[in-house]
Structure formats: C-alpha cells, structure tokens
Amino acid sequence: MVLAATHTVVFLAGVSLVLSPYVHDQRVAGFWNDLCAGAVLAVSGAAPLVEPRSVKGWRPAQLFAGLWLIAVPYVVGQETLAASTRIGDLLLGVIVLAAWVAGTAVVFLSRGKGGRLGVVR
C-alpha cells in the first residue's frame, strides 16, 4: 500500500511536469527538460502500479530524474529558465526523491520480513 502511494506521487509529479510547459509558456530549454523528465517520471511511476513485479527496474530512473530536477537550474543555467520553472523543478525533485527514499525503505524492510519484493501487508 505504501509503495503504491510512492509510485502514485511519482506518477503525478511526472504528469505535472509534462503539463507545466504549456501552463507556464516556457522557453525552449525549460520546455524540453520538463517534457522529458516528466515523461520518465510518469512512466516510472505508472509501470509498477500496472505490473508490481517491475518495481525494482524503475527505481533507478526515479532516482536519476529526481536528482536531475534538482540539478537542472545549475546545469542549464538559471538565466535561461523562468523563476517558476526553477522553483517547480526544485520542488518536484525534492518530492520525487522523498518518494524514492520512502519506497526504497519499504522495499528494504519487506525483504527482511520474508515478504515479496515491494509487497508490505
């Protein structure tokens, strides 16, 4: 149940990133960054909800996307991104990383209790 909630949070973060370029009327750099990172998050959040045994395979993509969202204002250059894009990317990056940490803790704890990977009762 908890693991499904973390993947739902990641999926919703991805959907919001995919929609944000259209809402904020972003320039080219922010547009493609949010579109690609949002697609990765939406797929990596939805796939384990559809096929729970695929949890392990999508965890690295969520970690990378969360770290990228935090780093992108500094990598791309803050002057090329609008303030709303910078703040939104940083906030969603922190949320995705928090969901990743919570999901990783659930997977780790379920292994110790003899449960299947990612299934906590």
PDB file of N, CA and C in Angstrom:
ATOM      1  N   MET A   1       0.815  -1.191   0.000  1.00  0.00           N
ATOM      2  CA  MET A   1       0.000   0.000   0.000  1.00  0.00           C
ATOM      3  C   MET A   1       0.868   1.268   0.000  1.00  0.00           C
ATOM      4  N   VAL A   2       1.879   1.280   0.872  1.00  0.00           N
ATOM      5  CA  VAL A   2       2.759   2.441   0.945  1.00  0.00           C
ATOM      6  C   VAL A   2       3.564   2.582  -0.340  1.00  0.00           C
ATOM      7  N   LEU A   3       4.013   1.468  -0.879  1.00  0.00           N
ATOM      8  CA  LEU A   3       4.800   1.507  -2.104  1.00  0.00           C
ATOM      9  C   LEU A   3       3.963   2.022  -3.273  1.00  0.00           C
ATOM     10  N   ALA A   4       2.697   1.622  -3.319  1.00  0.00           N
ATOM     11  CA  ALA A   4       1.809   2.130  -4.367  1.00  0.00           C
ATOM     12  C   ALA A   4       1.622   3.630  -4.229  1.00  0.00           C
ATOM     13  N   ALA A   5       1.568   4.120  -3.001  1.00  0.00           N
ATOM     14  CA  ALA A   5       1.419   5.563  -2.786  1.00  0.00           C
ATOM     15  C   ALA A   5       2.649   6.325  -3.279  1.00  0.00           C
ATOM     16  N   THR A   6       3.838   5.767  -3.059  1.00  0.00           N
ATOM     17  CA  THR A   6       5.042   6.461  -3.531  1.00  0.00           C
ATOM     18  C   THR A   6       5.083   6.509  -5.059  1.00  0.00           C
ATOM     19  N   HIS A   7       4.658   5.419  -5.707  1.00  0.00           N
ATOM     20  CA  HIS A   7       4.640   5.420  -7.170  1.00  0.00           C
ATOM     21  C   HIS A   7       3.555   6.353  -7.712  1.00  0.00           C
ATOM     22  N   THR A   8       2.462   6.473  -6.988  1.00  0.00           N
ATOM     23  CA  THR A   8       1.415   7.416  -7.394  1.00  0.00           C
ATOM     24  C   THR A   8       1.927   8.849  -7.315  1.00  0.00           C
ATOM     25  N   VAL A   9       2.664   9.168  -6.272  1.00  0.00           N
ATOM     26  CA  VAL A   9       3.252  10.503  -6.135  1.00  0.00           C
ATOM     27  C   VAL A   9       4.210  10.784  -7.285  1.00  0.00           C
ATOM     28  N   VAL A  10       5.034   9.814  -7.628  1.00  0.00           N
ATOM     29  CA  VAL A  10       5.988   9.979  -8.739  1.00  0.00           C
ATOM     30  C   VAL A  10       5.236  10.153 -10.058  1.00  0.00           C
ATOM     31  N   PHE A  11       4.201   9.362 -10.261  1.00  0.00           N
ATOM     32  CA  PHE A  11       3.390   9.482 -11.484  1.00  0.00           C
ATOM     33  C   PHE A  11       2.760  10.871 -11.586  1.00  0.00           C
ATOM     34  N   LEU A  12       2.170  11.352 -10.500  1.00  0.00           N
ATOM     35  CA  LEU A  12       1.544  12.679 -10.522  1.00  0.00           C
ATOM     36  C   LEU A  12       2.570  13.792 -10.726  1.00  0.00           C
ATOM     37  N   ALA A  13       3.756  13.630 -10.153  1.00  0.00           N
ATOM     38  CA  ALA A  13       4.822  14.609 -10.386  1.00  0.00           C
ATOM     39  C   ALA A  13       5.201  14.626 -11.867  1.00  0.00           C
ATOM     40  N   GLY A  14       5.263  13.456 -12.483  1.00  0.00           N
ATOM     41  CA  GLY A  14       5.571  13.380 -13.914  1.00  0.00           C
ATOM     42  C   GLY A  14       4.502  14.031 -14.769  1.00  0.00           C
ATOM     43  N   VAL A  15       3.250  13.776 -14.443  1.00  0.00           N
ATOM     44  CA  VAL A  15       2.148  14.387 -15.206  1.00  0.00           C
ATOM     45  C   VAL A  15       2.190  15.909 -15.065  1.00  0.00           C
ATOM     46  N   SER A  16       2.455  16.398 -13.857  1.00  0.00           N
ATOM     47  CA  SER A  16       2.508  17.852 -13.674  1.00  0.00           C
ATOM     48  C   SER A  16       3.670  18.465 -14.447  1.00  0.00           C
ATOM     49  N   LEU A  17       4.793  17.738 -14.535  1.00  0.00           N
ATOM     50  CA  LEU A  17       5.920  18.245 -15.317  1.00  0.00           C
ATOM     51  C   LEU A  17       5.619  18.252 -16.813  1.00  0.00           C
ATOM     52  N   VAL A  18       4.921  17.243 -17.289  1.00  0.00           N
ATOM     53  CA  VAL A  18       4.569  17.194 -18.712  1.00  0.00           C
ATOM     54  C   VAL A  18       3.624  18.350 -19.053  1.00  0.00           C
ATOM     55  N   LEU A  19       2.727  18.689 -18.154  1.00  0.00           N
ATOM     56  CA  LEU A  19       1.756  19.765 -18.413  1.00  0.00           C
ATOM     57  C   LEU A  19       2.311  21.163 -18.146  1.00  0.00           C
ATOM     58  N   SER A  20       3.329  21.272 -17.309  1.00  0.00           N
ATOM     59  CA  SER A  20       3.817  22.595 -16.903  1.00  0.00           C
ATOM     60  C   SER A  20       4.344  23.469 -18.042  1.00  0.00           C
ATOM     61  N   PRO A  21       5.003  22.946 -19.078  1.00  0.00           N
ATOM     62  CA  PRO A  21       5.456  23.848 -20.140  1.00  0.00           C
ATOM     63  C   PRO A  21       4.302  24.579 -20.828  1.00  0.00           C
ATOM     64  N   TYR A  22       3.165  23.934 -20.888  1.00  0.00           N
ATOM     65  CA  TYR A  22       2.010  24.552 -21.537  1.00  0.00           C
ATOM     66  C   TYR A  22       1.331  25.554 -20.614  1.00  0.00           C
ATOM     67  N   VAL A  23       1.387  25.307 -19.327  1.00  0.00           N
ATOM     68  CA  VAL A  23       0.764  26.205 -18.360  1.00  0.00           C
ATOM     69  C   VAL A  23       1.606  27.463 -18.174  1.00  0.00           C
ATOM     70  N   HIS A  24       2.920  27.295 -18.098  1.00  0.00           N
ATOM     71  CA  HIS A  24       3.821  28.423 -17.826  1.00  0.00           C
ATOM     72  C   HIS A  24       4.386  29.074 -19.076  1.00  0.00           C
ATOM     73  N   ASP A  25       4.047  28.575 -20.254  1.00  0.00           N
ATOM     74  CA  ASP A  25       4.551  29.110 -21.519  1.00  0.00           C
ATOM     75  C   ASP A  25       6.077  29.245 -21.479  1.00  0.00           C
ATOM     76  N   GLN A  26       6.743  28.106 -21.300  1.00  0.00           N
ATOM     77  CA  GLN A  26       8.189  28.088 -21.104  1.00  0.00           C
ATOM     78  C   GLN A  26       8.960  28.239 -22.404  1.00  0.00           C
ATOM     79  N   ARG A  27      10.217  28.685 -22.234  1.00  0.00           N
ATOM     80  CA  ARG A  27      11.135  28.758 -23.363  1.00  0.00           C
ATOM     81  C   ARG A  27      11.654  27.374 -23.706  1.00  0.00           C
ATOM     82  N   VAL A  28      12.479  27.286 -24.707  1.00  0.00           N
ATOM     83  CA  VAL A  28      12.919  26.004 -25.252  1.00  0.00           C
ATOM     84  C   VAL A  28      13.618  25.129 -24.210  1.00  0.00           C
ATOM     85  N   ALA A  29      14.575  25.664 -23.460  1.00  0.00           N
ATOM     86  CA  ALA A  29      15.345  24.838 -22.509  1.00  0.00           C
ATOM     87  C   ALA A  29      14.433  24.231 -21.451  1.00  0.00           C
ATOM     88  N   GLY A  30      13.594  25.032 -20.848  1.00  0.00           N
ATOM     89  CA  GLY A  30      12.694  24.534 -19.813  1.00  0.00           C
ATOM     90  C   GLY A  30      11.626  23.620 -20.370  1.00  0.00           C
ATOM     91  N   PHE A  31      11.182  23.904 -21.592  1.00  0.00           N
ATOM     92  CA  PHE A  31      10.138  23.098 -22.213  1.00  0.00           C
ATOM     93  C   PHE A  31      10.574  21.653 -22.372  1.00  0.00           C
ATOM     94  N   TRP A  32      11.721  21.441 -23.026  1.00  0.00           N
ATOM     95  CA  TRP A  32      12.172  20.073 -23.300  1.00  0.00           C
ATOM     96  C   TRP A  32      12.610  19.360 -22.036  1.00  0.00           C
ATOM     97  N   ASN A  33      13.207  20.082 -21.109  1.00  0.00           N
ATOM     98  CA  ASN A  33      13.607  19.459 -19.850  1.00  0.00           C
ATOM     99  C   ASN A  33      12.392  18.926 -19.098  1.00  0.00           C
ATOM    100  N   ASP A  34      11.375  19.757 -18.944  1.00  0.00           N
ATOM    101  CA  ASP A  34      10.190  19.333 -18.199  1.00  0.00           C
ATOM    102  C   ASP A  34       9.429  18.239 -18.934  1.00  0.00           C
ATOM    103  N   LEU A  35       9.379  18.325 -20.243  1.00  0.00           N
ATOM    104  CA  LEU A  35       8.678  17.303 -21.013  1.00  0.00           C
ATOM    105  C   LEU A  35       9.360  15.936 -20.884  1.00  0.00           C
ATOM    106  N   CYS A  36      10.685  15.901 -21.036  1.00  0.00           N
ATOM    107  CA  CYS A  36      11.414  14.622 -20.951  1.00  0.00           C
ATOM    108  C   CYS A  36      11.441  14.068 -19.528  1.00  0.00           C
ATOM    109  N   ALA A  37      11.762  14.912 -18.552  1.00  0.00           N
ATOM    110  CA  ALA A  37      11.793  14.440 -17.161  1.00  0.00           C
ATOM    111  C   ALA A  37      10.400  14.009 -16.713  1.00  0.00           C
ATOM    112  N   GLY A  38       9.373  14.740 -17.127  1.00  0.00           N
ATOM    113  CA  GLY A  38       8.005  14.375 -16.771  1.00  0.00           C
ATOM    114  C   GLY A  38       7.592  13.046 -17.372  1.00  0.00           C
ATOM    115  N   ALA A  39       7.995  12.795 -18.606  1.00  0.00           N
ATOM    116  CA  ALA A  39       7.666  11.520 -19.247  1.00  0.00           C
ATOM    117  C   ALA A  39       8.350  10.361 -18.527  1.00  0.00           C
ATOM    118  N   VAL A  40       9.617  10.540 -18.156  1.00  0.00           N
ATOM    119  CA  VAL A  40      10.336   9.490 -17.421  1.00  0.00           C
ATOM    120  C   VAL A  40       9.648   9.219 -16.087  1.00  0.00           C
ATOM    121  N   LEU A  41       9.274  10.279 -15.382  1.00  0.00           N
ATOM    122  CA  LEU A  41       8.621  10.096 -14.082  1.00  0.00           C
ATOM    123  C   LEU A  41       7.233   9.486 -14.216  1.00  0.00           C
ATOM    124  N   ALA A  42       6.482   9.913 -15.211  1.00  0.00           N
ATOM    125  CA  ALA A  42       5.131   9.366 -15.390  1.00  0.00           C
ATOM    126  C   ALA A  42       5.191   7.870 -15.711  1.00  0.00           C
ATOM    127  N   VAL A  43       6.101   7.483 -16.593  1.00  0.00           N
ATOM    128  CA  VAL A  43       6.221   6.066 -16.949  1.00  0.00           C
ATOM    129  C   VAL A  43       6.769   5.256 -15.774  1.00  0.00           C
ATOM    130  N   SER A  44       7.811   5.772 -15.105  1.00  0.00           N
ATOM    131  CA  SER A  44       8.406   5.021 -13.992  1.00  0.00           C
ATOM    132  C   SER A  44       7.488   4.986 -12.778  1.00  0.00           C
ATOM    133  N   GLY A  45       6.555   5.907 -12.678  1.00  0.00           N
ATOM    134  CA  GLY A  45       5.581   5.867 -11.594  1.00  0.00           C
ATOM    135  C   GLY A  45       4.397   4.982 -11.911  1.00  0.00           C
ATOM    136  N   ALA A  46       3.993   4.930 -13.190  1.00  0.00           N
ATOM    137  CA  ALA A  46       2.813   4.150 -13.576  1.00  0.00           C
ATOM    138  C   ALA A  46       3.131   2.670 -13.794  1.00  0.00           C
ATOM    139  N   ALA A  47       4.296   2.368 -14.315  1.00  0.00           N
ATOM    140  CA  ALA A  47       4.626   0.973 -14.642  1.00  0.00           C
ATOM    141  C   ALA A  47       4.530   0.037 -13.439  1.00  0.00           C
ATOM    142  N   PRO A  48       5.092   0.395 -12.275  1.00  0.00           N
ATOM    143  CA  PRO A  48       4.959  -0.506 -11.132  1.00  0.00           C
ATOM    144  C   PRO A  48       3.519  -0.612 -10.609  1.00  0.00           C
ATOM    145  N   LEU A  49       2.692   0.380 -10.895  1.00  0.00           N
ATOM    146  CA  LEU A  49       1.291   0.294 -10.489  1.00  0.00           C
ATOM    147  C   LEU A  49       0.549  -0.710 -11.356  1.00  0.00           C
ATOM    148  N   VAL A  50       0.959  -0.815 -12.618  1.00  0.00           N
ATOM    149  CA  VAL A  50       0.334  -1.755 -13.544  1.00  0.00           C
ATOM    150  C   VAL A  50       0.907  -3.164 -13.341  1.00  0.00           C
ATOM    151  N   GLU A  51       2.215  -3.257 -13.210  1.00  0.00           N
ATOM    152  CA  GLU A  51       2.895  -4.544 -13.017  1.00  0.00           C
ATOM    153  C   GLU A  51       3.794  -4.442 -11.787  1.00  0.00           C
ATOM    154  N   PRO A  52       3.285  -4.813 -10.593  1.00  0.00           N
ATOM    155  CA  PRO A  52       4.038  -4.624  -9.345  1.00  0.00           C
ATOM    156  C   PRO A  52       5.402  -5.307  -9.307  1.00  0.00           C
ATOM    157  N   ARG A  53       5.603  -6.358 -10.075  1.00  0.00           N
ATOM    158  CA  ARG A  53       6.902  -7.040 -10.061  1.00  0.00           C
ATOM    159  C   ARG A  53       7.995  -6.224 -10.750  1.00  0.00           C
ATOM    160  N   SER A  54       7.615  -5.144 -11.437  1.00  0.00           N
ATOM    161  CA  SER A  54       8.614  -4.324 -12.129  1.00  0.00           C
ATOM    162  C   SER A  54       9.149  -3.189 -11.262  1.00  0.00           C
ATOM    163  N   VAL A  55       8.847  -3.221  -9.963  1.00  0.00           N
ATOM    164  CA  VAL A  55       9.267  -2.147  -9.055  1.00  0.00           C
ATOM    165  C   VAL A  55      10.771  -1.932  -9.111  1.00  0.00           C
ATOM    166  N   LYS A  56      11.517  -2.999  -8.992  1.00  0.00           N
ATOM    167  CA  LYS A  56      12.975  -2.902  -8.911  1.00  0.00           C
ATOM    168  C   LYS A  56      13.580  -2.242 -10.149  1.00  0.00           C
ATOM    169  N   GLY A  57      13.040  -2.511 -11.293  1.00  0.00           N
ATOM    170  CA  GLY A  57      13.601  -1.971 -12.524  1.00  0.00           C
ATOM    171  C   GLY A  57      13.408  -0.482 -12.713  1.00  0.00           C
ATOM    172  N   TRP A  58      12.402   0.094 -12.095  1.00  0.00           N
ATOM    173  CA  TRP A  58      12.106   1.511 -12.295  1.00  0.00           C
ATOM    174  C   TRP A  58      12.691   2.409 -11.216  1.00  0.00           C
ATOM    175  N   ARG A  59      13.203   1.871 -10.136  1.00  0.00           N
ATOM    176  CA  ARG A  59      13.729   2.687  -9.038  1.00  0.00           C
ATOM    177  C   ARG A  59      14.902   3.576  -9.478  1.00  0.00           C
ATOM    178  N   PRO A  60      15.873   3.078 -10.258  1.00  0.00           N
ATOM    179  CA  PRO A  60      16.977   3.955 -10.670  1.00  0.00           C
ATOM    180  C   PRO A  60      16.518   5.138 -11.536  1.00  0.00           C
ATOM    181  N   ALA A  61      15.515   4.931 -12.369  1.00  0.00           N
ATOM    182  CA  ALA A  61      15.018   6.024 -13.212  1.00  0.00           C
ATOM    183  C   ALA A  61      14.408   7.124 -12.354  1.00  0.00           C
ATOM    184  N   GLN A  62      13.716   6.749 -11.294  1.00  0.00           N
ATOM    185  CA  GLN A  62      13.121   7.742 -10.406  1.00  0.00           C
ATOM    186  C   GLN A  62      14.203   8.518  -9.663  1.00  0.00           C
ATOM    187  N   LEU A  63      15.229   7.822  -9.205  1.00  0.00           N
ATOM    188  CA  LEU A  63      16.339   8.489  -8.521  1.00  0.00           C
ATOM    189  C   LEU A  63      17.035   9.476  -9.454  1.00  0.00           C
ATOM    190  N   PHE A  64      17.352   9.024 -10.656  1.00  0.00           N
ATOM    191  CA  PHE A  64      18.039   9.894 -11.616  1.00  0.00           C
ATOM    192  C   PHE A  64      17.197  11.120 -11.965  1.00  0.00           C
ATOM    193  N   ALA A  65      15.904  10.918 -12.221  1.00  0.00           N
ATOM    194  CA  ALA A  65      15.033  12.044 -12.582  1.00  0.00           C
ATOM    195  C   ALA A  65      14.894  13.034 -11.425  1.00  0.00           C
ATOM    196  N   GLY A  66      14.786  12.538 -10.199  1.00  0.00           N
ATOM    197  CA  GLY A  66      14.702  13.432  -9.042  1.00  0.00           C
ATOM    198  C   GLY A  66      15.967  14.256  -8.866  1.00  0.00           C
ATOM    199  N   LEU A  67      17.118  13.600  -8.988  1.00  0.00           N
ATOM    200  CA  LEU A  67      18.391  14.324  -8.887  1.00  0.00           C
ATOM    201  C   LEU A  67      18.560  15.321 -10.035  1.00  0.00           C
ATOM    202  N   TRP A  68      18.137  14.928 -11.230  1.00  0.00           N
ATOM    203  CA  TRP A  68      18.246  15.819 -12.377  1.00  0.00           C
ATOM    204  C   TRP A  68      17.393  17.071 -12.180  1.00  0.00           C
ATOM    205  N   LEU A  69      16.186  16.913 -11.651  1.00  0.00           N
ATOM    206  CA  LEU A  69      15.312  18.070 -11.439  1.00  0.00           C
ATOM    207  C   LEU A  69      15.914  19.055 -10.445  1.00  0.00           C
ATOM    208  N   ILE A  70      16.638  18.547  -9.474  1.00  0.00           N
ATOM    209  CA  ILE A  70      17.291  19.435  -8.515  1.00  0.00           C
ATOM    210  C   ILE A  70      18.500  20.107  -9.155  1.00  0.00           C
ATOM    211  N   ALA A  71      19.217  19.404 -10.012  1.00  0.00           N
ATOM    212  CA  ALA A  71      20.448  19.931 -10.601  1.00  0.00           C
ATOM    213  C   ALA A  71      20.221  20.808 -11.826  1.00  0.00           C
ATOM    214  N   VAL A  72      19.092  20.653 -12.510  1.00  0.00           N
ATOM    215  CA  VAL A  72      18.911  21.309 -13.811  1.00  0.00           C
ATOM    216  C   VAL A  72      19.030  22.840 -13.779  1.00  0.00           C
ATOM    217  N   PRO A  73      18.582  23.550 -12.759  1.00  0.00           N
ATOM    218  CA  PRO A  73      18.785  25.007 -12.798  1.00  0.00           C
ATOM    219  C   PRO A  73      20.259  25.393 -12.828  1.00  0.00           C
ATOM    220  N   TYR A  74      21.100  24.567 -12.237  1.00  0.00           N
ATOM    221  CA  TYR A  74      22.529  24.873 -12.189  1.00  0.00           C
ATOM    222  C   TYR A  74      23.251  24.358 -13.429  1.00  0.00           C
ATOM    223  N   VAL A  75      22.757  23.277 -14.018  1.00  0.00           N
ATOM    224  CA  VAL A  75      23.384  22.712 -15.209  1.00  0.00           C
ATOM    225  C   VAL A  75      23.024  23.522 -16.448  1.00  0.00           C
ATOM    226  N   VAL A  76      21.741  23.812 -16.613  1.00  0.00           N
ATOM    227  CA  VAL A  76      21.266  24.548 -17.787  1.00  0.00           C
ATOM    228  C   VAL A  76      21.611  26.027 -17.668  1.00  0.00           C
ATOM    229  N   GLY A  77      21.603  26.531 -16.456  1.00  0.00           N
ATOM    230  CA  GLY A  77      21.853  27.948 -16.228  1.00  0.00           C
ATOM    231  C   GLY A  77      20.564  28.627 -15.800  1.00  0.00           C
ATOM    232  N   GLN A  78      20.615  29.255 -14.667  1.00  0.00           N
ATOM    233  CA  GLN A  78      19.403  29.841 -14.101  1.00  0.00           C
ATOM    234  C   GLN A  78      18.822  30.957 -14.956  1.00  0.00           C
ATOM    235  N   GLU A  79      19.673  31.649 -15.688  1.00  0.00           N
ATOM    236  CA  GLU A  79      19.174  32.754 -16.501  1.00  0.00           C
ATOM    237  C   GLU A  79      18.333  32.284 -17.683  1.00  0.00           C
ATOM    238  N   THR A  80      18.493  31.021 -18.085  1.00  0.00           N
ATOM    239  CA  THR A  80      17.710  30.521 -19.214  1.00  0.00           C
ATOM    240  C   THR A  80      16.353  29.977 -18.793  1.00  0.00           C
ATOM    241  N   LEU A  81      16.140  29.779 -17.491  1.00  0.00           N
ATOM    242  CA  LEU A  81      14.879  29.241 -17.001  1.00  0.00           C
ATOM    243  C   LEU A  81      14.093  30.308 -16.258  1.00  0.00           C
ATOM    244  N   ALA A  82      12.790  30.293 -16.420  1.00  0.00           N
ATOM    245  CA  ALA A  82      11.930  31.217 -15.685  1.00  0.00           C
ATOM    246  C   ALA A  82      11.952  30.839 -14.209  1.00  0.00           C
ATOM    247  N   ALA A  83      11.643  31.810 -13.346  1.00  0.00           N
ATOM    248  CA  ALA A  83      11.648  31.560 -11.904  1.00  0.00           C
ATOM    249  C   ALA A  83      10.666  30.458 -11.526  1.00  0.00           C
ATOM    250  N   SER A  84       9.507  30.435 -12.155  1.00  0.00           N
ATOM    251  CA  SER A  84       8.517  29.403 -11.832  1.00  0.00           C
ATOM    252  C   SER A  84       9.024  28.022 -12.228  1.00  0.00           C
ATOM    253  N   THR A  85       9.779  27.943 -13.305  1.00  0.00           N
ATOM    254  CA  THR A  85      10.344  26.672 -13.744  1.00  0.00           C
ATOM    255  C   THR A  85      11.405  26.198 -12.768  1.00  0.00           C
ATOM    256  N   ARG A  86      12.283  27.102 -12.338  1.00  0.00           N
ATOM    257  CA  ARG A  86      13.338  26.730 -11.385  1.00  0.00           C
ATOM    258  C   ARG A  86      12.745  26.236 -10.076  1.00  0.00           C
ATOM    259  N   ILE A  87      11.802  26.982  -9.534  1.00  0.00           N
ATOM    260  CA  ILE A  87      11.199  26.611  -8.254  1.00  0.00           C
ATOM    261  C   ILE A  87      10.409  25.312  -8.395  1.00  0.00           C
ATOM    262  N   GLY A  88       9.657  25.183  -9.478  1.00  0.00           N
ATOM    263  CA  GLY A  88       8.872  23.971  -9.696  1.00  0.00           C
ATOM    264  C   GLY A  88       9.744  22.747  -9.854  1.00  0.00           C
ATOM    265  N   ASP A  89      10.832  22.869 -10.609  1.00  0.00           N
ATOM    266  CA  ASP A  89      11.745  21.737 -10.795  1.00  0.00           C
ATOM    267  C   ASP A  89      12.394  21.335  -9.473  1.00  0.00           C
ATOM    268  N   LEU A  90      12.851  22.316  -8.708  1.00  0.00           N
ATOM    269  CA  LEU A  90      13.469  22.003  -7.417  1.00  0.00           C
ATOM    270  C   LEU A  90      12.474  21.339  -6.471  1.00  0.00           C
ATOM    271  N   LEU A  91      11.265  21.874  -6.393  1.00  0.00           N
ATOM    272  CA  LEU A  91      10.252  21.325  -5.502  1.00  0.00           C
ATOM    273  C   LEU A  91       9.864  19.900  -5.907  1.00  0.00           C
ATOM    274  N   LEU A  92       9.619  19.694  -7.189  1.00  0.00           N
ATOM    275  CA  LEU A  92       9.266  18.345  -7.644  1.00  0.00           C
ATOM    276  C   LEU A  92      10.437  17.374  -7.507  1.00  0.00           C
ATOM    277  N   GLY A  93      11.655  17.853  -7.679  1.00  0.00           N
ATOM    278  CA  GLY A  93      12.822  16.996  -7.468  1.00  0.00           C
ATOM    279  C   GLY A  93      12.917  16.515  -6.030  1.00  0.00           C
ATOM    280  N   VAL A  94      12.661  17.409  -5.090  1.00  0.00           N
ATOM    281  CA  VAL A  94      12.681  17.030  -3.673  1.00  0.00           C
ATOM    282  C   VAL A  94      11.544  16.055  -3.365  1.00  0.00           C
ATOM    283  N   ILE A  95      10.368  16.293  -3.919  1.00  0.00           N
ATOM    284  CA  ILE A  95       9.228  15.397  -3.693  1.00  0.00           C
ATOM    285  C   ILE A  95       9.510  14.008  -4.268  1.00  0.00           C
ATOM    286  N   VAL A  96      10.063  13.960  -5.469  1.00  0.00           N
ATOM    287  CA  VAL A  96      10.377  12.669  -6.094  1.00  0.00           C
ATOM    288  C   VAL A  96      11.444  11.927  -5.290  1.00  0.00           C
ATOM    289  N   LEU A  97      12.466  12.633  -4.830  1.00  0.00           N
ATOM    290  CA  LEU A  97      13.493  11.977  -4.023  1.00  0.00           C
ATOM    291  C   LEU A  97      12.932  11.483  -2.697  1.00  0.00           C
ATOM    292  N   ALA A  98      12.039  12.241  -2.084  1.00  0.00           N
ATOM    293  CA  ALA A  98      11.410  11.787  -0.835  1.00  0.00           C
ATOM    294  C   ALA A  98      10.577  10.531  -1.081  1.00  0.00           C
ATOM    295  N   ALA A  99       9.845  10.501  -2.186  1.00  0.00           N
ATOM    296  CA  ALA A  99       9.068   9.303  -2.527  1.00  0.00           C
ATOM    297  C   ALA A  99       9.996   8.133  -2.822  1.00  0.00           C
ATOM    298  N   TRP A 100      11.123   8.397  -3.474  1.00  0.00           N
ATOM    299  CA  TRP A 100      12.082   7.338  -3.771  1.00  0.00           C
ATOM    300  C   TRP A 100      12.662   6.764  -2.480  1.00  0.00           C
ATOM    301  N   VAL A 101      13.025   7.624  -1.540  1.00  0.00           N
ATOM    302  CA  VAL A 101      13.576   7.160  -0.262  1.00  0.00           C
ATOM    303  C   VAL A 101      12.533   6.335   0.489  1.00  0.00           C
ATOM    304  N   ALA A 102      11.283   6.812   0.531  1.00  0.00           N
ATOM    305  CA  ALA A 102      10.219   6.069   1.213  1.00  0.00           C
ATOM    306  C   ALA A 102       9.991   4.712   0.543  1.00  0.00           C
ATOM    307  N   GLY A 103       9.955   4.681  -0.770  1.00  0.00           N
ATOM    308  CA  GLY A 103       9.762   3.429  -1.486  1.00  0.00           C
ATOM    309  C   GLY A 103      10.915   2.467  -1.298  1.00  0.00           C
ATOM    310  N   THR A 104      12.132   2.983  -1.297  1.00  0.00           N
ATOM    311  CA  THR A 104      13.301   2.144  -1.082  1.00  0.00           C
ATOM    312  C   THR A 104      13.294   1.563   0.322  1.00  0.00           C
ATOM    313  N   ALA A 105      12.886   2.357   1.298  1.00  0.00           N
ATOM    314  CA  ALA A 105      12.790   1.860   2.676  1.00  0.00           C
ATOM    315  C   ALA A 105      11.752   0.746   2.780  1.00  0.00           C
ATOM    316  N   VAL A 106      10.625   0.905   2.102  1.00  0.00           N
ATOM    317  CA  VAL A 106       9.581  -0.124   2.127  1.00  0.00           C
ATOM    318  C   VAL A 106      10.081  -1.410   1.490  1.00  0.00           C
ATOM    319  N   VAL A 107      10.758  -1.294   0.356  1.00  0.00           N
ATOM    320  CA  VAL A 107      11.297  -2.483  -0.318  1.00  0.00           C
ATOM    321  C   VAL A 107      12.335  -3.164   0.576  1.00  0.00           C
ATOM    322  N   PHE A 108      13.202  -2.379   1.176  1.00  0.00           N
ATOM    323  CA  PHE A 108      14.240  -2.937   2.041  1.00  0.00           C
ATOM    324  C   PHE A 108      13.634  -3.629   3.256  1.00  0.00           C
ATOM    325  N   LEU A 109      12.661  -3.001   3.892  1.00  0.00           N
ATOM    326  CA  LEU A 109      12.031  -3.582   5.086  1.00  0.00           C
ATOM    327  C   LEU A 109      11.206  -4.823   4.750  1.00  0.00           C
ATOM    328  N   SER A 110      10.583  -4.850   3.580  1.00  0.00           N
ATOM    329  CA  SER A 110       9.771  -6.010   3.225  1.00  0.00           C
ATOM    330  C   SER A 110      10.639  -7.238   2.956  1.00  0.00           C
ATOM    331  N   ARG A 111      11.854  -7.026   2.515  1.00  0.00           N
ATOM    332  CA  ARG A 111      12.769  -8.153   2.294  1.00  0.00           C
ATOM    333  C   ARG A 111      13.130  -8.822   3.613  1.00  0.00           C
ATOM    334  N   GLY A 112      13.324  -8.025   4.654  1.00  0.00           N
ATOM    335  CA  GLY A 112      13.698  -8.556   5.960  1.00  0.00           C
ATOM    336  C   GLY A 112      12.587  -9.333   6.636  1.00  0.00           C
ATOM    337  N   LYS A 113      11.342  -9.073   6.255  1.00  0.00           N
ATOM    338  CA  LYS A 113      10.202  -9.742   6.876  1.00  0.00           C
ATOM    339  C   LYS A 113       9.762 -10.967   6.091  1.00  0.00           C
ATOM    340  N   GLY A 114      10.528 -11.349   5.106  1.00  0.00           N
ATOM    341  CA  GLY A 114      10.193 -12.525   4.332  1.00  0.00           C
ATOM    342  C   GLY A 114       9.114 -12.261   3.292  1.00  0.00           C
ATOM    343  N   GLY A 115       8.775 -11.013   3.089  1.00  0.00           N
ATOM    344  CA  GLY A 115       7.755 -10.673   2.107  1.00  0.00           C
ATOM    345  C   GLY A 115       8.337 -10.631   0.706  1.00  0.00           C
ATOM    346  N   ARG A 116       7.448 -10.590  -0.254  1.00  0.00           N
ATOM    347  CA  ARG A 116       7.902 -10.446  -1.637  1.00  0.00           C
ATOM    348  C   ARG A 116       8.394  -9.026  -1.841  1.00  0.00           C
ATOM    349  N   LEU A 117       9.161  -8.827  -2.878  1.00  0.00           N
ATOM    350  CA  LEU A 117       9.746  -7.530  -3.167  1.00  0.00           C
ATOM    351  C   LEU A 117       8.664  -6.476  -3.337  1.00  0.00           C
ATOM    352  N   GLY A 118       8.667  -5.494  -2.452  1.00  0.00           N
ATOM    353  CA  GLY A 118       7.764  -4.368  -2.587  1.00  0.00           C
ATOM    354  C   GLY A 118       6.363  -4.605  -2.061  1.00  0.00           C
ATOM    355  N   VAL A 119       6.070  -5.772  -1.516  1.00  0.00           N
ATOM    356  CA  VAL A 119       4.723  -6.053  -1.017  1.00  0.00           C
ATOM    357  C   VAL A 119       4.760  -6.035   0.496  1.00  0.00           C
ATOM    358  N   VAL A 120       4.115  -5.047   1.081  1.00  0.00           N
ATOM    359  CA  VAL A 120       4.049  -4.916   2.536  1.00  0.00           C
ATOM    360  C   VAL A 120       2.604  -5.074   2.958  1.00  0.00           C
ATOM    361  N   ARG A 121       2.377  -5.913   3.925  1.00  0.00           N
ATOM    362  CA  ARG A 121       0.995  -6.137   4.374  1.00  0.00           C
ATOM    363  C   ARG A 121       0.722  -5.451   5.665  1.00  0.00           C
TER     364      ARG A 121
END
